[in-house]
Every structure is written in structure tokens, then in C-alpha cells.
Amino acid sequence: MRRVVAGRRVGELEEAILSELWEAPEPLTGREILARLPGGPRAYTTVMTVLGRLVDKGLVERLADDRAHRYRAAGDAERLTARAIADLVSSAREPGAVLAYFVEGLDDPGLVDELAALLERVRAEREGA
């Protein structure tokens, strides 16, 4: 089954790798990721191929290390989703109209209240800076 993370469709193995990276306190090598993955045995080359796809999708970052590349999630699921939304909004011809349609379409009063409070906090911070 495919799931969507930050607007990107990911397969089971991609999701499992992301879960391991989100849980890890430090970036991991491909071999470390392979050793942590649940389920049956997998080929190292398969894990490396999937890591490359996750890097291409912008969900994982590849870091140079002395001996091997290390990988880390490019952010938690919420931060990655926010980045995807920001990219979509900024690519629109009328970003303000996109945001207006989005806000007008919200049907959760609690979420609208959270958004209003957040906007007020950001406005106050920017005015105070």
C-alpha cells in the first residue's frame, strides 16, 4: 500500500526507511539502516536504491562522511508537509488567492482558531523585531 508523505507517494520500504531515520538520533549509513529495518532480509543494493529515491524526492538528505554516506530525514513529517505546501503556494500565480481558498475551505473551527492565533503570534513577533 502506498502512503503520502509531504505530498509525495511512498511505498512500504520507503516508509520503513523514513521511520528508522525519524527515530535515529544521528544520521545513519545505508548498512545501519538495513540492519534496523523490520521484516525479512533485504538486499543492501535495494535499500541504497530506495534511499536514492527518497533523496530525489527531497524527503531524505545525503551527508558526506569519511568512509560512507550518511542519511537523515529532511525533517519530521509535519515539517516536510509544510515545506511541500509552501512550495506549492509559492509556485502559484496568485499565492494570496491560494491561501484564501485554503482557509475558506477549512471546516474545523478548532483549526481555524489555531491558525488565527498562530498568525497573531507571527505578526506580533515581526512587529517586535
N, C-alpha and C. Protein backbone atom coordinates (compact mmCIF):
# COMPACT_ATOMS: atom_id res chain seq x y z
N MET A 1 0.83 -1.18 0.00
CA MET A 1 0.00 0.00 0.00
C MET A 1 0.89 1.25 0.00
N ARG A 2 0.48 2.23 -0.76
CA ARG A 2 1.25 3.47 -0.83
C ARG A 2 0.64 4.50 0.11
N ARG A 3 1.51 5.29 0.70
CA ARG A 3 1.12 6.36 1.60
C ARG A 3 1.69 7.65 1.05
N VAL A 4 1.14 8.76 1.48
CA VAL A 4 1.63 10.06 1.05
C VAL A 4 2.34 10.71 2.24
N VAL A 5 3.58 11.13 2.01
CA VAL A 5 4.36 11.87 2.99
C VAL A 5 4.78 13.16 2.32
N ALA A 6 4.36 14.27 2.89
CA ALA A 6 4.72 15.59 2.36
C ALA A 6 4.38 15.74 0.89
N GLY A 7 3.21 15.23 0.51
CA GLY A 7 2.77 15.35 -0.87
C GLY A 7 3.44 14.39 -1.83
N ARG A 8 4.27 13.51 -1.32
CA ARG A 8 4.98 12.53 -2.14
C ARG A 8 4.49 11.14 -1.82
N ARG A 9 4.19 10.36 -2.84
CA ARG A 9 3.78 8.98 -2.61
C ARG A 9 5.01 8.15 -2.25
N VAL A 10 4.88 7.36 -1.20
CA VAL A 10 5.98 6.49 -0.78
C VAL A 10 5.45 5.08 -0.62
N GLY A 11 6.31 4.12 -0.94
CA GLY A 11 5.97 2.72 -0.78
C GLY A 11 6.30 2.25 0.63
N GLU A 12 6.04 0.98 0.88
CA GLU A 12 6.27 0.41 2.22
C GLU A 12 7.72 0.52 2.67
N LEU A 13 8.65 0.17 1.77
CA LEU A 13 10.06 0.23 2.15
C LEU A 13 10.50 1.68 2.36
N GLU A 14 10.05 2.58 1.52
CA GLU A 14 10.37 4.00 1.72
C GLU A 14 9.85 4.48 3.08
N GLU A 15 8.64 4.09 3.41
CA GLU A 15 8.06 4.50 4.69
C GLU A 15 8.83 3.89 5.86
N ALA A 16 9.24 2.63 5.73
CA ALA A 16 10.01 1.98 6.79
C ALA A 16 11.36 2.67 6.99
N ILE A 17 12.01 3.04 5.90
CA ILE A 17 13.30 3.73 5.99
C ILE A 17 13.11 5.10 6.65
N LEU A 18 12.09 5.83 6.22
CA LEU A 18 11.82 7.13 6.85
C LEU A 18 11.57 6.97 8.35
N SER A 19 10.82 5.96 8.73
CA SER A 19 10.55 5.73 10.16
C SER A 19 11.84 5.51 10.93
N GLU A 20 12.74 4.72 10.36
CA GLU A 20 14.02 4.48 11.03
C GLU A 20 14.84 5.76 11.14
N LEU A 21 14.82 6.56 10.09
CA LEU A 21 15.58 7.82 10.12
C LEU A 21 14.97 8.81 11.11
N TRP A 22 13.64 8.85 11.21
CA TRP A 22 13.00 9.74 12.16
C TRP A 22 13.32 9.34 13.60
N GLU A 23 13.47 8.05 13.84
CA GLU A 23 13.74 7.56 15.20
C GLU A 23 15.22 7.67 15.58
N ALA A 24 16.09 7.72 14.61
CA ALA A 24 17.53 7.72 14.89
C ALA A 24 17.99 9.08 15.40
N PRO A 25 18.81 9.10 16.46
CA PRO A 25 19.30 10.38 16.97
C PRO A 25 20.38 11.00 16.08
N GLU A 26 21.04 10.19 15.27
CA GLU A 26 22.12 10.64 14.40
C GLU A 26 21.88 10.12 12.99
N PRO A 27 22.47 10.75 11.97
CA PRO A 27 22.38 10.21 10.61
C PRO A 27 22.95 8.79 10.55
N LEU A 28 22.40 7.97 9.67
CA LEU A 28 22.77 6.57 9.56
C LEU A 28 23.37 6.26 8.20
N THR A 29 24.23 5.25 8.16
CA THR A 29 24.73 4.74 6.88
C THR A 29 23.68 3.80 6.29
N GLY A 30 23.85 3.48 5.04
CA GLY A 30 22.96 2.53 4.39
C GLY A 30 22.96 1.18 5.11
N ARG A 31 24.11 0.72 5.53
CA ARG A 31 24.20 -0.57 6.24
C ARG A 31 23.49 -0.51 7.60
N GLU A 32 23.62 0.62 8.29
CA GLU A 32 22.93 0.77 9.57
C GLU A 32 21.41 0.76 9.38
N ILE A 33 20.95 1.40 8.33
CA ILE A 33 19.52 1.40 8.03
C ILE A 33 19.07 -0.02 7.71
N LEU A 34 19.82 -0.71 6.87
CA LEU A 34 19.49 -2.08 6.50
C LEU A 34 19.36 -2.96 7.75
N ALA A 35 20.27 -2.82 8.70
CA ALA A 35 20.25 -3.64 9.91
C ALA A 35 19.05 -3.33 10.80
N ARG A 36 18.52 -2.12 10.72
CA ARG A 36 17.41 -1.71 11.59
C ARG A 36 16.05 -2.02 11.00
N LEU A 37 15.98 -2.28 9.72
CA LEU A 37 14.68 -2.46 9.07
C LEU A 37 13.98 -3.74 9.55
N PRO A 38 12.70 -3.63 9.86
CA PRO A 38 11.95 -4.82 10.26
C PRO A 38 11.62 -5.67 9.04
N GLY A 39 11.18 -6.88 9.28
CA GLY A 39 10.76 -7.75 8.19
C GLY A 39 11.88 -8.65 7.73
N GLY A 40 11.64 -9.28 6.60
CA GLY A 40 12.59 -10.24 6.06
C GLY A 40 13.86 -9.61 5.55
N PRO A 41 14.80 -10.43 5.17
CA PRO A 41 16.07 -9.91 4.67
C PRO A 41 15.88 -9.12 3.37
N ARG A 42 16.68 -8.10 3.24
CA ARG A 42 16.65 -7.25 2.04
C ARG A 42 18.07 -7.08 1.54
N ALA A 43 18.18 -6.84 0.27
CA ALA A 43 19.49 -6.60 -0.32
C ALA A 43 19.94 -5.18 -0.02
N TYR A 44 21.22 -5.03 0.25
CA TYR A 44 21.81 -3.71 0.50
C TYR A 44 21.57 -2.80 -0.69
N THR A 45 21.71 -3.33 -1.89
CA THR A 45 21.52 -2.50 -3.10
C THR A 45 20.08 -1.98 -3.20
N THR A 46 19.12 -2.77 -2.75
CA THR A 46 17.72 -2.33 -2.77
C THR A 46 17.54 -1.14 -1.83
N VAL A 47 18.10 -1.26 -0.63
CA VAL A 47 17.99 -0.17 0.35
C VAL A 47 18.66 1.09 -0.20
N MET A 48 19.82 0.94 -0.82
CA MET A 48 20.52 2.10 -1.36
C MET A 48 19.74 2.73 -2.52
N THR A 49 19.10 1.93 -3.34
CA THR A 49 18.27 2.45 -4.43
C THR A 49 17.11 3.26 -3.87
N VAL A 50 16.45 2.71 -2.85
CA VAL A 50 15.31 3.40 -2.24
C VAL A 50 15.78 4.68 -1.55
N LEU A 51 16.93 4.65 -0.89
CA LEU A 51 17.47 5.86 -0.28
C LEU A 51 17.70 6.94 -1.34
N GLY A 52 18.23 6.55 -2.48
CA GLY A 52 18.44 7.50 -3.58
C GLY A 52 17.13 8.12 -4.04
N ARG A 53 16.07 7.32 -4.10
CA ARG A 53 14.76 7.85 -4.49
C ARG A 53 14.24 8.83 -3.45
N LEU A 54 14.44 8.50 -2.17
CA LEU A 54 13.99 9.39 -1.10
C LEU A 54 14.76 10.72 -1.12
N VAL A 55 16.04 10.65 -1.47
CA VAL A 55 16.84 11.87 -1.62
C VAL A 55 16.28 12.69 -2.79
N ASP A 56 16.00 12.02 -3.91
CA ASP A 56 15.46 12.71 -5.08
C ASP A 56 14.11 13.37 -4.78
N LYS A 57 13.31 12.75 -3.92
CA LYS A 57 12.00 13.29 -3.55
C LYS A 57 12.11 14.42 -2.52
N GLY A 58 13.33 14.64 -2.00
CA GLY A 58 13.52 15.69 -1.01
C GLY A 58 13.11 15.31 0.40
N LEU A 59 12.90 14.02 0.64
CA LEU A 59 12.47 13.56 1.96
C LEU A 59 13.65 13.15 2.84
N VAL A 60 14.79 12.86 2.21
CA VAL A 60 15.99 12.41 2.93
C VAL A 60 17.17 13.23 2.42
N GLU A 61 18.10 13.51 3.32
CA GLU A 61 19.33 14.22 2.95
C GLU A 61 20.51 13.25 3.02
N ARG A 62 21.40 13.34 2.02
CA ARG A 62 22.62 12.53 1.98
C ARG A 62 23.77 13.41 2.45
N LEU A 63 24.51 12.92 3.44
CA LEU A 63 25.62 13.67 4.01
C LEU A 63 26.92 12.94 3.72
N ALA A 64 27.93 13.66 3.30
CA ALA A 64 29.24 13.05 3.05
C ALA A 64 29.91 12.75 4.38
N ASP A 65 30.50 11.58 4.46
CA ASP A 65 31.25 11.16 5.65
C ASP A 65 32.61 10.67 5.15
N ASP A 66 33.54 10.44 6.06
CA ASP A 66 34.87 9.99 5.65
C ASP A 66 34.82 8.72 4.82
N ARG A 67 34.05 7.74 5.27
CA ARG A 67 34.09 6.42 4.63
C ARG A 67 32.82 6.09 3.86
N ALA A 68 31.69 6.60 4.30
CA ALA A 68 30.42 6.26 3.64
C ALA A 68 29.47 7.44 3.77
N HIS A 69 28.48 7.47 2.91
CA HIS A 69 27.45 8.49 3.06
C HIS A 69 26.58 8.15 4.25
N ARG A 70 26.09 9.19 4.89
CA ARG A 70 25.12 9.03 5.97
C ARG A 70 23.83 9.70 5.51
N TYR A 71 22.73 9.23 6.06
CA TYR A 71 21.43 9.72 5.65
C TYR A 71 20.63 10.15 6.87
N ARG A 72 19.83 11.22 6.68
CA ARG A 72 18.90 11.64 7.71
C ARG A 72 17.64 12.15 7.02
N ALA A 73 16.55 12.08 7.75
CA ALA A 73 15.30 12.62 7.22
C ALA A 73 15.48 14.12 7.05
N ALA A 74 14.88 14.67 6.02
CA ALA A 74 15.00 16.10 5.74
C ALA A 74 14.13 16.93 6.69
N GLY A 75 13.45 16.28 7.62
CA GLY A 75 12.60 16.92 8.61
C GLY A 75 11.57 15.91 9.08
N ASP A 76 10.83 16.25 10.13
CA ASP A 76 9.76 15.34 10.55
C ASP A 76 8.62 15.45 9.54
N ALA A 77 7.64 14.58 9.66
CA ALA A 77 6.55 14.52 8.68
C ALA A 77 5.84 15.86 8.56
N GLU A 78 5.63 16.54 9.67
CA GLU A 78 4.92 17.81 9.64
C GLU A 78 5.75 18.89 8.94
N ARG A 79 7.04 18.94 9.23
CA ARG A 79 7.91 19.94 8.61
C ARG A 79 8.01 19.68 7.10
N LEU A 80 8.13 18.42 6.71
CA LEU A 80 8.20 18.09 5.28
C LEU A 80 6.91 18.46 4.57
N THR A 81 5.78 18.22 5.23
CA THR A 81 4.49 18.59 4.64
C THR A 81 4.37 20.10 4.51
N ALA A 82 4.81 20.82 5.54
CA ALA A 82 4.77 22.29 5.49
C ALA A 82 5.62 22.81 4.34
N ARG A 83 6.79 22.20 4.15
CA ARG A 83 7.67 22.62 3.06
C ARG A 83 7.00 22.37 1.71
N ALA A 84 6.32 21.22 1.58
CA ALA A 84 5.63 20.90 0.32
C ALA A 84 4.51 21.90 0.06
N ILE A 85 3.77 22.26 1.09
CA ILE A 85 2.70 23.24 0.95
C ILE A 85 3.28 24.60 0.56
N ALA A 86 4.36 25.00 1.22
CA ALA A 86 4.99 26.29 0.91
C ALA A 86 5.47 26.32 -0.54
N ASP A 87 6.03 25.20 -1.00
CA ASP A 87 6.49 25.14 -2.40
C ASP A 87 5.32 25.29 -3.36
N LEU A 88 4.20 24.63 -3.05
CA LEU A 88 3.01 24.73 -3.91
C LEU A 88 2.47 26.15 -3.93
N VAL A 89 2.35 26.76 -2.75
CA VAL A 89 1.80 28.11 -2.67
C VAL A 89 2.71 29.09 -3.42
N SER A 90 4.01 28.98 -3.21
CA SER A 90 4.92 29.93 -3.85
C SER A 90 4.99 29.75 -5.36
N SER A 91 4.60 28.58 -5.85
CA SER A 91 4.63 28.36 -7.30
C SER A 91 3.37 28.86 -7.99
N ALA A 92 2.37 29.25 -7.22
CA ALA A 92 1.11 29.73 -7.80
C ALA A 92 1.27 31.14 -8.36
N ARG A 93 0.47 31.45 -9.33
CA ARG A 93 0.49 32.79 -9.90
C ARG A 93 -0.05 33.80 -8.90
N GLU A 94 -1.01 33.39 -8.08
CA GLU A 94 -1.61 34.25 -7.06
C GLU A 94 -1.56 33.54 -5.71
N PRO A 95 -0.41 33.57 -5.01
CA PRO A 95 -0.28 32.86 -3.74
C PRO A 95 -1.34 33.28 -2.71
N GLY A 96 -1.68 34.55 -2.67
CA GLY A 96 -2.70 35.01 -1.73
C GLY A 96 -4.05 34.37 -1.98
N ALA A 97 -4.40 34.21 -3.25
CA ALA A 97 -5.67 33.57 -3.59
C ALA A 97 -5.67 32.10 -3.18
N VAL A 98 -4.54 31.44 -3.36
CA VAL A 98 -4.43 30.04 -2.95
C VAL A 98 -4.66 29.92 -1.45
N LEU A 99 -4.01 30.78 -0.68
CA LEU A 99 -4.18 30.75 0.77
C LEU A 99 -5.61 31.07 1.17
N ALA A 100 -6.22 32.03 0.49
CA ALA A 100 -7.61 32.38 0.79
C ALA A 100 -8.54 31.19 0.54
N TYR A 101 -8.37 30.51 -0.59
CA TYR A 101 -9.19 29.33 -0.87
C TYR A 101 -8.98 28.25 0.17
N PHE A 102 -7.72 28.08 0.57
CA PHE A 102 -7.40 27.07 1.57
C PHE A 102 -8.09 27.38 2.90
N VAL A 103 -7.95 28.60 3.38
CA VAL A 103 -8.52 28.97 4.68
C VAL A 103 -10.04 28.92 4.63
N GLU A 104 -10.62 29.42 3.55
CA GLU A 104 -12.08 29.39 3.42
C GLU A 104 -12.62 27.97 3.38
N GLY A 105 -11.81 27.03 2.94
CA GLY A 105 -12.24 25.64 2.85
C GLY A 105 -12.09 24.85 4.14
N LEU A 106 -11.46 25.43 5.15
CA LEU A 106 -11.28 24.73 6.42
C LEU A 106 -12.64 24.58 7.10
N ASP A 107 -12.95 23.35 7.52
CA ASP A 107 -14.24 23.12 8.17
C ASP A 107 -14.08 22.70 9.63
N ASP A 108 -12.89 22.88 10.18
CA ASP A 108 -12.61 22.56 11.58
C ASP A 108 -12.43 23.86 12.34
N PRO A 109 -13.43 24.27 13.14
CA PRO A 109 -13.32 25.54 13.87
C PRO A 109 -12.10 25.61 14.77
N GLY A 110 -11.72 24.50 15.37
CA GLY A 110 -10.53 24.49 16.22
C GLY A 110 -9.27 24.80 15.44
N LEU A 111 -9.18 24.25 14.23
CA LEU A 111 -8.03 24.51 13.38
C LEU A 111 -8.00 25.97 12.93
N VAL A 112 -9.18 26.52 12.64
CA VAL A 112 -9.25 27.94 12.26
C VAL A 112 -8.78 28.80 13.42
N ASP A 113 -9.19 28.46 14.64
CA ASP A 113 -8.74 29.21 15.82
C ASP A 113 -7.23 29.10 16.01
N GLU A 114 -6.68 27.89 15.81
CA GLU A 114 -5.22 27.71 15.92
C GLU A 114 -4.50 28.55 14.88
N LEU A 115 -5.01 28.56 13.68
CA LEU A 115 -4.40 29.34 12.60
C LEU A 115 -4.44 30.83 12.93
N ALA A 116 -5.58 31.30 13.42
CA ALA A 116 -5.70 32.73 13.77
C ALA A 116 -4.71 33.09 14.87
N ALA A 117 -4.59 32.24 15.88
CA ALA A 117 -3.65 32.52 16.97
C ALA A 117 -2.21 32.51 16.47
N LEU A 118 -1.89 31.57 15.60
CA LEU A 118 -0.55 31.50 15.04
C LEU A 118 -0.22 32.74 14.22
N LEU A 119 -1.16 33.17 13.39
CA LEU A 119 -0.95 34.38 12.60
C LEU A 119 -0.75 35.59 13.50
N GLU A 120 -1.52 35.68 14.57
CA GLU A 120 -1.38 36.80 15.51
C GLU A 120 -0.01 36.77 16.17
N ARG A 121 0.46 35.57 16.57
CA ARG A 121 1.78 35.45 17.20
C ARG A 121 2.89 35.85 16.23
N VAL A 122 2.81 35.37 14.98
CA VAL A 122 3.83 35.70 13.99
C VAL A 122 3.83 37.20 13.72
N ARG A 123 2.65 37.79 13.61
CA ARG A 123 2.55 39.24 13.37
C ARG A 123 3.21 40.00 14.53
N ALA A 124 2.91 39.60 15.75
CA ALA A 124 3.48 40.28 16.93
C ALA A 124 4.99 40.13 16.96
N GLU A 125 5.50 38.95 16.66
CA GLU A 125 6.95 38.72 16.64
C GLU A 125 7.63 39.59 15.60
N ARG A 126 7.02 39.72 14.44
CA ARG A 126 7.63 40.51 13.36
C ARG A 126 7.59 42.00 13.65
N GLU A 127 6.54 42.43 14.31
CA GLU A 127 6.43 43.84 14.67
C GLU A 127 7.42 44.19 15.78
N GLY A 128 7.70 43.22 16.64
CA GLY A 128 8.63 43.44 17.74
C GLY A 128 10.08 43.32 17.34
N ALA A 129 10.33 42.73 16.19
CA ALA A 129 11.72 42.51 15.75
C ALA A 129 12.35 43.73 15.15
